[in-house]
C-alpha atoms as a PDB file:
ATOM      1  CA  ALA A   1      -0.706  12.906 -31.819  1.00  0.00           C
ATOM      2  CA  THR A   2       3.014  13.289 -31.285  1.00  0.00           C
ATOM      3  CA  LYS A   3       4.726  16.649 -31.493  1.00  0.00           C
ATOM      4  CA  VAL A   4       7.453  17.358 -34.034  1.00  0.00           C
ATOM      5  CA  PRO A   5      10.382  19.513 -32.825  1.00  0.00           C
ATOM      6  CA  PRO A   6      10.097  23.069 -34.271  1.00  0.00           C
ATOM      7  CA  SER A   7      13.687  22.903 -35.505  1.00  0.00           C
ATOM      8  CA  ALA A   8      12.835  19.797 -37.524  1.00  0.00           C
ATOM      9  CA  ILE A   9       9.845  21.538 -39.117  1.00  0.00           C
ATOM     10  CA  LYS A  10      11.947  24.576 -40.099  1.00  0.00           C
ATOM     11  CA  LEU A  11      14.607  22.335 -41.600  1.00  0.00           C
ATOM     12  CA  LYS A  12      12.070  20.426 -43.667  1.00  0.00           C
ATOM     13  CA  ILE A  13      10.388  23.607 -44.921  1.00  0.00           C
ATOM     14  CA  ALA A  14      13.725  25.120 -45.971  1.00  0.00           C
ATOM     15  CA  THR A  15      14.863  21.932 -47.683  1.00  0.00           C
ATOM     16  CA  THR A  16      11.591  21.459 -49.553  1.00  0.00           C
ATOM     17  CA  CYS A  17      11.425  25.058 -50.739  1.00  0.00           C
ATOM     18  CA  ILE A  18      15.024  24.991 -51.991  1.00  0.00           C
ATOM     19  CA  GLN A  19      14.458  21.764 -53.886  1.00  0.00           C
ATOM     20  CA  SER A  20      11.161  22.909 -55.440  1.00  0.00           C
ATOM     21  CA  PRO A  21      11.160  25.299 -58.453  1.00  0.00           C
ATOM     22  CA  LEU A  22       9.009  28.406 -58.095  1.00  0.00           C
ATOM     23  CA  PRO A  23       5.801  28.443 -60.178  1.00  0.00           C
ATOM     24  CA  GLN A  24       5.816  30.688 -63.251  1.00  0.00           C
ATOM     25  CA  HIS A  25       2.137  30.417 -64.152  1.00  0.00           C
ATOM     26  CA  SER A  26      -1.269  31.524 -62.903  1.00  0.00           C
ATOM     27  CA  PRO A  27      -2.316  32.044 -59.258  1.00  0.00           C
ATOM     28  CA  GLN A  28      -4.222  28.774 -59.528  1.00  0.00           C
ATOM     29  CA  SER A  29      -1.081  26.844 -60.439  1.00  0.00           C
ATOM     30  CA  SER A  30       0.810  28.640 -57.660  1.00  0.00           C
ATOM     31  CA  SER A  31      -1.840  27.558 -55.157  1.00  0.00           C
ATOM     32  CA  LEU A  32      -1.564  23.993 -56.401  1.00  0.00           C
ATOM     33  CA  PHE A  33       2.220  24.213 -56.134  1.00  0.00           C
ATOM     34  CA  TYR A  34       2.153  25.223 -52.466  1.00  0.00           C
ATOM     35  CA  SER A  35      -0.535  22.660 -51.730  1.00  0.00           C
ATOM     36  CA  GLU A  36       1.771  19.974 -53.073  1.00  0.00           C
ATOM     37  CA  ILE A  37       4.587  21.291 -50.854  1.00  0.00           C
ATOM     38  CA  VAL A  38       2.370  21.067 -47.776  1.00  0.00           C
ATOM     39  CA  ASP A  39       1.350  17.507 -48.663  1.00  0.00           C
ATOM     40  CA  ARG A  40       4.982  16.558 -49.158  1.00  0.00           C
ATOM     41  CA  LEU A  41       5.961  18.139 -45.845  1.00  0.00           C
ATOM     42  CA  LEU A  42       3.247  16.254 -43.985  1.00  0.00           C
ATOM     43  CA  GLN A  43       4.496  12.994 -45.417  1.00  0.00           C
ATOM     44  CA  GLU A  44       8.140  13.735 -44.640  1.00  0.00           C
ATOM     45  CA  MET A  45       7.372  14.994 -41.128  1.00  0.00           C
ATOM     46  CA  LYS A  46       6.058  11.561 -40.199  1.00  0.00           C
ATOM     47  CA  SER A  47       9.661  10.383 -40.014  1.00  0.00           C
ATOM     48  CA  PHE A  48      10.252  12.906 -37.193  1.00  0.00           C
ATOM     49  CA  SER A  49       7.382  11.662 -35.057  1.00  0.00           C
ATOM     50  CA  THR A  50       8.457  10.468 -31.623  1.00  0.00           C
ATOM     51  CA  PRO A  51       7.266   6.868 -31.092  1.00  0.00           C
ATOM     52  CA  LEU A  52       4.693   6.148 -28.435  1.00  0.00           C
ATOM     53  CA  SER A  53       6.077   4.897 -25.120  1.00  0.00           C
ATOM     54  CA  PRO A  54       7.226   1.395 -26.170  1.00  0.00           C
ATOM     55  CA  TYR A  55       6.638  -0.217 -22.770  1.00  0.00           C
ATOM     56  CA  GLY A  56       3.138   1.211 -22.327  1.00  0.00           C
ATOM     57  CA  VAL A  57       1.249   4.265 -21.132  1.00  0.00           C
ATOM     58  CA  PHE A  58      -0.055   4.133 -17.570  1.00  0.00           C
ATOM     59  CA  THR A  59      -2.697   5.992 -15.589  1.00  0.00           C
ATOM     60  CA  GLY A  60      -2.695   6.072 -11.804  1.00  0.00           C
ATOM     61  CA  SER A  61      -1.280   7.921  -8.816  1.00  0.00           C
ATOM     62  CA  LEU A  62       2.231   9.225  -8.209  1.00  0.00           C
ATOM     63  CA  PHE A  63       3.170   9.569  -4.553  1.00  0.00           C
ATOM     64  CA  GLN A  64       6.141  10.180  -2.268  1.00  0.00           C
ATOM     65  CA  TYR A  65       6.622   7.246   0.072  1.00  0.00           C
ATOM     66  CA  SER A  66       9.813   8.522   1.721  1.00  0.00           C
ATOM     67  CA  SER A  67      10.914  12.056   2.541  1.00  0.00           C
ATOM     68  CA  SER A  68      14.463  11.210   3.621  1.00  0.00           C
ATOM     69  CA  PRO A  69      15.658  10.382   1.081  1.00  0.00           C
ATOM     70  CA  SER A  70      12.933  11.684  -1.192  1.00  0.00           C
ATOM     71  CA  LEU A  71      11.555   8.664  -3.052  1.00  0.00           C
ATOM     72  CA  ILE A  72       8.449   8.249  -5.172  1.00  0.00           C
ATOM     73  CA  ALA A  73       6.399   5.399  -6.609  1.00  0.00           C
ATOM     74  CA  PHE A  74       3.621   5.027  -9.154  1.00  0.00           C
ATOM     75  CA  GLU A  75       0.542   2.875  -8.610  1.00  0.00           C
ATOM     76  CA  SER A  76      -1.702   1.989 -11.528  1.00  0.00           C
ATOM     77  CA  PRO A  77      -4.992   0.515 -10.314  1.00  0.00           C
ATOM     78  CA  PRO A  78      -8.168   0.131 -12.380  1.00  0.00           C
ATOM     79  CA  LEU A  79      -9.656   3.567 -12.991  1.00  0.00           C
ATOM     80  CA  THR A  80     -12.973   2.710 -11.383  1.00  0.00           C
ATOM     81  CA  ILE A  81     -14.233   0.353  -8.715  1.00  0.00           C
ATOM     82  CA  PRO A  82     -17.006  -1.860 -10.139  1.00  0.00           C
ATOM     83  CA  PRO A  83     -20.540  -1.183  -8.840  1.00  0.00           C
ATOM     84  CA  LYS A  84     -21.609  -3.132  -5.771  1.00  0.00           C
ATOM     85  CA  ASP A  85     -25.198  -3.675  -4.665  1.00  0.00           C
ATOM     86  CA  ASP A  86     -26.977  -0.375  -5.335  1.00  0.00           C
ATOM     87  CA  ASN A  87     -23.815   1.722  -5.367  1.00  0.00           C
ATOM     88  CA  PRO A  88     -22.596   2.931  -8.778  1.00  0.00           C
ATOM     89  CA  SER A  89     -19.000   2.554  -9.913  1.00  0.00           C
ATOM     90  CA  ILE A  90     -16.720   5.195  -8.424  1.00  0.00           C
ATOM     91  CA  LEU A  91     -13.316   6.672  -9.200  1.00  0.00           C
ATOM     92  CA  ASN A  92     -10.598   4.486  -7.740  1.00  0.00           C
ATOM     93  CA  THR A  93      -7.956   6.532  -5.905  1.00  0.00           C
ATOM     94  CA  LYS A  94      -6.385   3.884  -3.653  1.00  0.00           C
ATOM     95  CA  GLY A  95      -6.385   0.793  -5.832  1.00  0.00           C
ATOM     96  CA  PHE A  96      -6.985  -2.740  -4.702  1.00  0.00           C
ATOM     97  CA  PRO A  97      -5.798  -4.048  -1.313  1.00  0.00           C
ATOM     98  CA  ASN A  98      -3.555  -6.429  -3.266  1.00  0.00           C
ATOM     99  CA  LYS A  99      -0.365  -4.730  -4.499  1.00  0.00           C
ATOM    100  CA  LEU A 100       2.165  -6.209  -6.910  1.00  0.00           C
ATOM    101  CA  ILE A 101       5.529  -4.430  -6.697  1.00  0.00           C
ATOM    102  CA  LEU A 102       7.714  -4.548  -9.815  1.00  0.00           C
ATOM    103  CA  LEU A 103      11.451  -4.254  -9.117  1.00  0.00           C
ATOM    104  CA  GLY A 104      13.713  -3.657 -12.123  1.00  0.00           C
ATOM    105  CA  GLY A 105      17.394  -4.320 -12.673  1.00  0.00           C
ATOM    106  CA  LEU A 106      20.554  -2.214 -12.897  1.00  0.00           C
ATOM    107  CA  SER A 107      19.863   1.272 -14.312  1.00  0.00           C
ATOM    108  CA  ASP A 108      16.096   0.615 -14.373  1.00  0.00           C
ATOM    109  CA  GLY A 109      13.318   2.707 -12.909  1.00  0.00           C
ATOM    110  CA  PRO A 110       9.590   2.486 -13.606  1.00  0.00           C
ATOM    111  CA  LEU A 111       8.680   0.653 -16.825  1.00  0.00           C
ATOM    112  CA  PRO A 112      11.727  -1.599 -16.633  1.00  0.00           C
ATOM    113  CA  CYS A 113      10.580  -4.301 -19.068  1.00  0.00           C
ATOM    114  CA  PRO A 114       8.623  -4.696 -22.330  1.00  0.00           C
ATOM    115  CA  TYR A 115       6.023  -6.798 -20.507  1.00  0.00           C
ATOM    116  CA  THR A 116       5.137  -4.080 -17.972  1.00  0.00           C
ATOM    117  CA  SER A 117       1.897  -3.124 -19.726  1.00  0.00           C
ATOM    118  CA  SER A 118       0.803  -6.766 -20.049  1.00  0.00           C
ATOM    119  CA  LEU A 119       1.623  -7.304 -16.380  1.00  0.00           C
ATOM    120  CA  GLU A 120      -0.534  -4.327 -15.414  1.00  0.00           C
ATOM    121  CA  GLN A 121      -3.446  -5.661 -17.465  1.00  0.00           C
ATOM    122  CA  LYS A 122      -3.230  -9.096 -15.861  1.00  0.00           C
ATOM    123  CA  CYS A 123      -2.988  -7.510 -12.400  1.00  0.00           C
ATOM    124  CA  HIS A 124      -6.238  -5.657 -13.011  1.00  0.00           C
ATOM    125  CA  GLU A 125      -7.950  -8.807 -14.247  1.00  0.00           C
ATOM    126  CA  LEU A 126      -6.944 -10.661 -11.072  1.00  0.00           C
ATOM    127  CA  GLY A 127      -7.765  -7.830  -8.661  1.00  0.00           C
ATOM    128  CA  TRP A 128      -4.293  -6.368  -8.071  1.00  0.00           C
ATOM    129  CA  SER A 129      -2.712  -2.927  -8.439  1.00  0.00           C
ATOM    130  CA  LEU A 130       0.714  -2.563 -10.052  1.00  0.00           C
ATOM    131  CA  VAL A 131       3.244  -0.507  -8.063  1.00  0.00           C
ATOM    132  CA  GLN A 132       6.498   0.712  -9.631  1.00  0.00           C
ATOM    133  CA  PRO A 133       8.896   2.381  -7.179  1.00  0.00           C
ATOM    134  CA  ILE A 134      11.991   4.474  -7.612  1.00  0.00           C
ATOM    135  CA  LEU A 135      14.673   3.397  -5.142  1.00  0.00           C
ATOM    136  CA  SER A 136      17.932   5.161  -4.332  1.00  0.00           C
ATOM    137  CA  SER A 137      19.581   2.491  -6.477  1.00  0.00           C
ATOM    138  CA  SER A 138      17.371   3.163  -9.517  1.00  0.00           C
ATOM    139  CA  TYR A 139      18.899   4.455 -12.750  1.00  0.00           C
ATOM    140  CA  LEU A 140      22.617   5.133 -12.033  1.00  0.00           C
ATOM    141  CA  GLY A 141      22.332   5.090  -8.233  1.00  0.00           C
ATOM    142  CA  PHE A 142      23.132   1.403  -7.772  1.00  0.00           C
ATOM    143  CA  GLY A 143      26.921   1.785  -7.752  1.00  0.00           C
ATOM    144  CA  HIS A 144      27.144   3.365  -4.300  1.00  0.00           C
ATOM    145  CA  GLY A 145      24.428   1.499  -2.397  1.00  0.00           C
ATOM    146  CA  SER A 146      23.644  -1.963  -1.130  1.00  0.00           C
ATOM    147  CA  LEU A 147      20.904  -4.564  -1.074  1.00  0.00           C
ATOM    148  CA  SER A 148      20.372  -3.672   2.591  1.00  0.00           C
ATOM    149  CA  ARG A 149      19.589  -0.078   1.637  1.00  0.00           C
ATOM    150  CA  ASP A 150      17.166  -1.290  -1.027  1.00  0.00           C
ATOM    151  CA  THR A 151      15.409  -3.581   1.456  1.00  0.00           C
ATOM    152  CA  GLY A 152      14.965  -0.710   3.890  1.00  0.00           C
ATOM    153  CA  GLU A 153      13.367   1.412   1.156  1.00  0.00           C
ATOM    154  CA  ILE A 154      11.097  -1.425   0.034  1.00  0.00           C
ATOM    155  CA  CYS A 155       9.937  -1.661   3.650  1.00  0.00           C
ATOM    156  CA  LYS A 156       9.197   2.082   3.610  1.00  0.00           C
ATOM    157  CA  LEU A 157       7.176   1.647   0.424  1.00  0.00           C
ATOM    158  CA  MET A 158       5.139  -1.227   1.829  1.00  0.00           C
ATOM    159  CA  ASN A 159       4.469   0.568   5.114  1.00  0.00           C
ATOM    160  CA  TYR A 160       3.254   3.597   3.173  1.00  0.00           C
ATOM    161  CA  LEU A 161       0.943   1.444   1.057  1.00  0.00           C
ATOM    162  CA  VAL A 162      -0.463  -0.214   4.183  1.00  0.00           C
ATOM    163  CA  CYS A 163      -1.065   3.112   5.936  1.00  0.00           C
ATOM    164  CA  HIS A 164      -2.304   5.225   3.034  1.00  0.00           C
ATOM    165  CA  HIS A 165      -3.389   2.903   0.189  1.00  0.00           C
ATOM    166  CA  ASP A 166      -5.195   0.223   2.214  1.00  0.00           C
ATOM    167  CA  ALA A 167      -2.707  -2.491   1.245  1.00  0.00           C
ATOM    168  CA  GLU A 168      -3.313  -5.919   2.740  1.00  0.00           C
ATOM    169  CA  LYS A 169      -1.357  -8.324   0.557  1.00  0.00           C
ATOM    170  CA  PHE A 170       1.781  -7.996  -1.580  1.00  0.00           C
ATOM    171  CA  ALA A 171       3.494  -9.822  -4.408  1.00  0.00           C
ATOM    172  CA  LEU A 172       6.993  -9.150  -5.718  1.00  0.00           C
ATOM    173  CA  VAL A 173       8.158  -9.429  -9.313  1.00  0.00           C
ATOM    174  CA  GLY A 174      11.910  -9.029  -9.683  1.00  0.00           C
ATOM    175  CA  HIS A 175      13.656  -8.517 -13.002  1.00  0.00           C
ATOM    176  CA  SER A 176      17.409  -9.149 -13.186  1.00  0.00           C
ATOM    177  CA  THR A 177      18.923  -7.388 -10.140  1.00  0.00           C
ATOM    178  CA  GLY A 178      15.372  -6.950  -8.880  1.00  0.00           C
ATOM    179  CA  CYS A 179      15.461 -10.683  -8.167  1.00  0.00           C
ATOM    180  CA  GLN A 180      18.314 -10.086  -5.707  1.00  0.00           C
ATOM    181  CA  ASN A 181      16.244  -7.322  -4.095  1.00  0.00           C
ATOM    182  CA  SER A 182      13.268  -9.664  -3.748  1.00  0.00           C
ATOM    183  CA  ILE A 183      15.278 -12.466  -2.129  1.00  0.00           C
ATOM    184  CA  HIS A 184      17.144 -10.066   0.172  1.00  0.00           C
ATOM    185  CA  PHE A 185      13.863  -8.514   1.315  1.00  0.00           C
ATOM    186  CA  LEU A 186      12.313 -11.916   2.057  1.00  0.00           C
ATOM    187  CA  LYS A 187      15.367 -12.771   4.169  1.00  0.00           C
ATOM    188  CA  HIS A 188      16.037  -9.458   5.909  1.00  0.00           C
ATOM    189  CA  GLY A 189      12.872  -7.335   5.637  1.00  0.00           C
ATOM    190  CA  GLU A 190      10.420  -6.476   8.411  1.00  0.00           C
ATOM    191  CA  LYS A 191       8.667  -9.663   9.490  1.00  0.00           C
ATOM    192  CA  ASP A 192       5.137  -8.277   9.495  1.00  0.00           C
ATOM    193  CA  LEU A 193       5.646  -7.091   5.901  1.00  0.00           C
ATOM    194  CA  ILE A 194       7.188 -10.385   4.809  1.00  0.00           C
ATOM    195  CA  ASP A 195       4.115 -12.125   6.201  1.00  0.00           C
ATOM    196  CA  ARG A 196       1.967 -10.084   3.808  1.00  0.00           C
ATOM    197  CA  VAL A 197       3.864 -11.351   0.728  1.00  0.00           C
ATOM    198  CA  SER A 198       1.868 -14.104  -0.960  1.00  0.00           C
ATOM    199  CA  ALA A 199       4.044 -14.568  -4.070  1.00  0.00           C
ATOM    200  CA  CYS A 200       7.508 -13.793  -5.379  1.00  0.00           C
ATOM    201  CA  VAL A 201       8.448 -14.079  -9.055  1.00  0.00           C
ATOM    202  CA  LEU A 202      12.094 -14.112 -10.186  1.00  0.00           C
ATOM    203  CA  GLN A 203      12.353 -13.175 -13.866  1.00  0.00           C
ATOM    204  CA  ALA A 204      15.807 -13.272 -15.516  1.00  0.00           C
ATOM    205  CA  PRO A 205      17.676 -13.654 -12.191  1.00  0.00           C
ATOM    206  CA  VAL A 206      21.349 -12.756 -12.358  1.00  0.00           C
ATOM    207  CA  SER A 207      24.476 -12.409 -10.242  1.00  0.00           C
ATOM    208  CA  ASP A 208      25.855  -8.967 -11.028  1.00  0.00           C
ATOM    209  CA  ARG A 209      29.264  -9.751  -9.534  1.00  0.00           C
ATOM    210  CA  GLU A 210      29.672 -12.877 -11.645  1.00  0.00           C
ATOM    211  CA  SER A 211      28.305 -11.257 -14.796  1.00  0.00           C
ATOM    212  CA  GLN A 212      30.915  -8.500 -14.529  1.00  0.00           C
ATOM    213  CA  THR A 213      33.678 -11.062 -15.052  1.00  0.00           C
ATOM    214  CA  LEU A 214      32.209 -11.829 -18.495  1.00  0.00           C
ATOM    215  CA  SER A 215      32.598  -8.251 -19.711  1.00  0.00           C
ATOM    216  CA  PRO A 216      35.835  -6.829 -21.151  1.00  0.00           C
ATOM    217  CA  GLY A 217      38.273  -4.964 -18.936  1.00  0.00           C
ATOM    218  CA  ASP A 218      41.175  -5.447 -16.533  1.00  0.00           C
ATOM    219  CA  HIS A 219      39.084  -6.762 -13.654  1.00  0.00           C
ATOM    220  CA  ALA A 220      42.081  -8.031 -11.658  1.00  0.00           C
ATOM    221  CA  LYS A 221      43.556  -4.520 -11.581  1.00  0.00           C
ATOM    222  CA  HIS A 222      40.290  -2.910 -10.477  1.00  0.00           C
ATOM    223  CA  LEU A 223      39.686  -5.598  -7.848  1.00  0.00           C
ATOM    224  CA  THR A 224      43.142  -5.047  -6.391  1.00  0.00           C
ATOM    225  CA  TYR A 225      42.513  -1.301  -6.203  1.00  0.00           C
ATOM    226  CA  ALA A 226      39.095  -1.845  -4.593  1.00  0.00           C
ATOM    227  CA  LYS A 227      40.602  -4.106  -1.934  1.00  0.00           C
ATOM    228  CA  GLN A 228      43.235  -1.468  -1.266  1.00  0.00           C
ATOM    229  CA  LEU A 229      40.542   1.166  -0.678  1.00  0.00           C
ATOM    230  CA  VAL A 230      38.689  -1.144   1.693  1.00  0.00           C
ATOM    231  CA  SER A 231      41.877  -1.855   3.666  1.00  0.00           C
ATOM    232  CA  GLN A 232      42.307   1.903   4.077  1.00  0.00           C
ATOM    233  CA  ASN A 233      38.722   2.324   5.339  1.00  0.00           C
ATOM    234  CA  LYS A 234      37.822   4.061   2.074  1.00  0.00           C
ATOM    235  CA  GLY A 235      35.288   1.544   0.859  1.00  0.00           C
ATOM    236  CA  GLU A 236      32.795   4.308   0.078  1.00  0.00           C
ATOM    237  CA  ASP A 237      35.226   6.116  -2.253  1.00  0.00           C
ATOM    238  CA  PHE A 238      34.475   5.894  -5.944  1.00  0.00           C
ATOM    239  CA  MET A 239      36.446   3.701  -8.296  1.00  0.00           C
ATOM    240  CA  PRO A 240      38.203   5.127 -11.381  1.00  0.00           C
ATOM    241  CA  ARG A 241      35.870   5.872 -14.255  1.00  0.00           C
ATOM    242  CA  GLU A 242      37.377   3.141 -16.432  1.00  0.00           C
ATOM    243  CA  SER A 243      36.406   0.429 -13.939  1.00  0.00           C
ATOM    244  CA  PHE A 244      32.685   0.431 -14.789  1.00  0.00           C
ATOM    245  CA  TRP A 245      30.165   2.090 -17.076  1.00  0.00           C
ATOM    246  CA  ALA A 246      28.393   3.751 -14.133  1.00  0.00           C
ATOM    247  CA  PRO A 247      29.689   5.493 -10.968  1.00  0.00           C
ATOM    248  CA  ILE A 248      30.595   2.745  -8.515  1.00  0.00           C
ATOM    249  CA  SER A 249      32.276   2.550  -5.116  1.00  0.00           C
END
């Protein structure tokens, strides 16, 4: 059941009581009156209910795969390992040796797409765990990083999964900018990790630089200013706020 904010409950109670005339009859009619108010409140409070997580609810393990910078990821394997021979099913704490890593787009973190829950279900059916990392570029961190930084952090994630979660094989699913991350990793990542990648899926691939030219704004002015900063060895300085909807260097 979802929780209703206390302030919303108080507002509804006050509104309902003000709009309802006080009973002028017997205690029985008064009891019926207040019972009707409660029923009405319960019906009206349904409109305040917070919807269930639209992209799914996941169970698994949350872990820190990098301490500098501090980065975490979430792995959702099947809850139990099926019984084998005479051994009963046991709680699964490390997942399958096959790990599918889902990489979202600009401003995304875990649960980047509506199909995330369906992807997890299919992973489990095929004997894979779903891994959803937070990178330094997740959420609003993309504007002052690079694909090279992302590739280095993906390597850290994979090395952690190999060392601590018994990973043997990987697959990458990139969404939007995550497609750029996937391709950059396959070209510039650690060779022994690249060799473990058996599949790479590019879903809704996009060029962020080209897509920016389709949005409104004085791009020529901002580009000129950016080039000026670079020429002054200030390429890591932030651009004016009006140049983009997120902080960007």
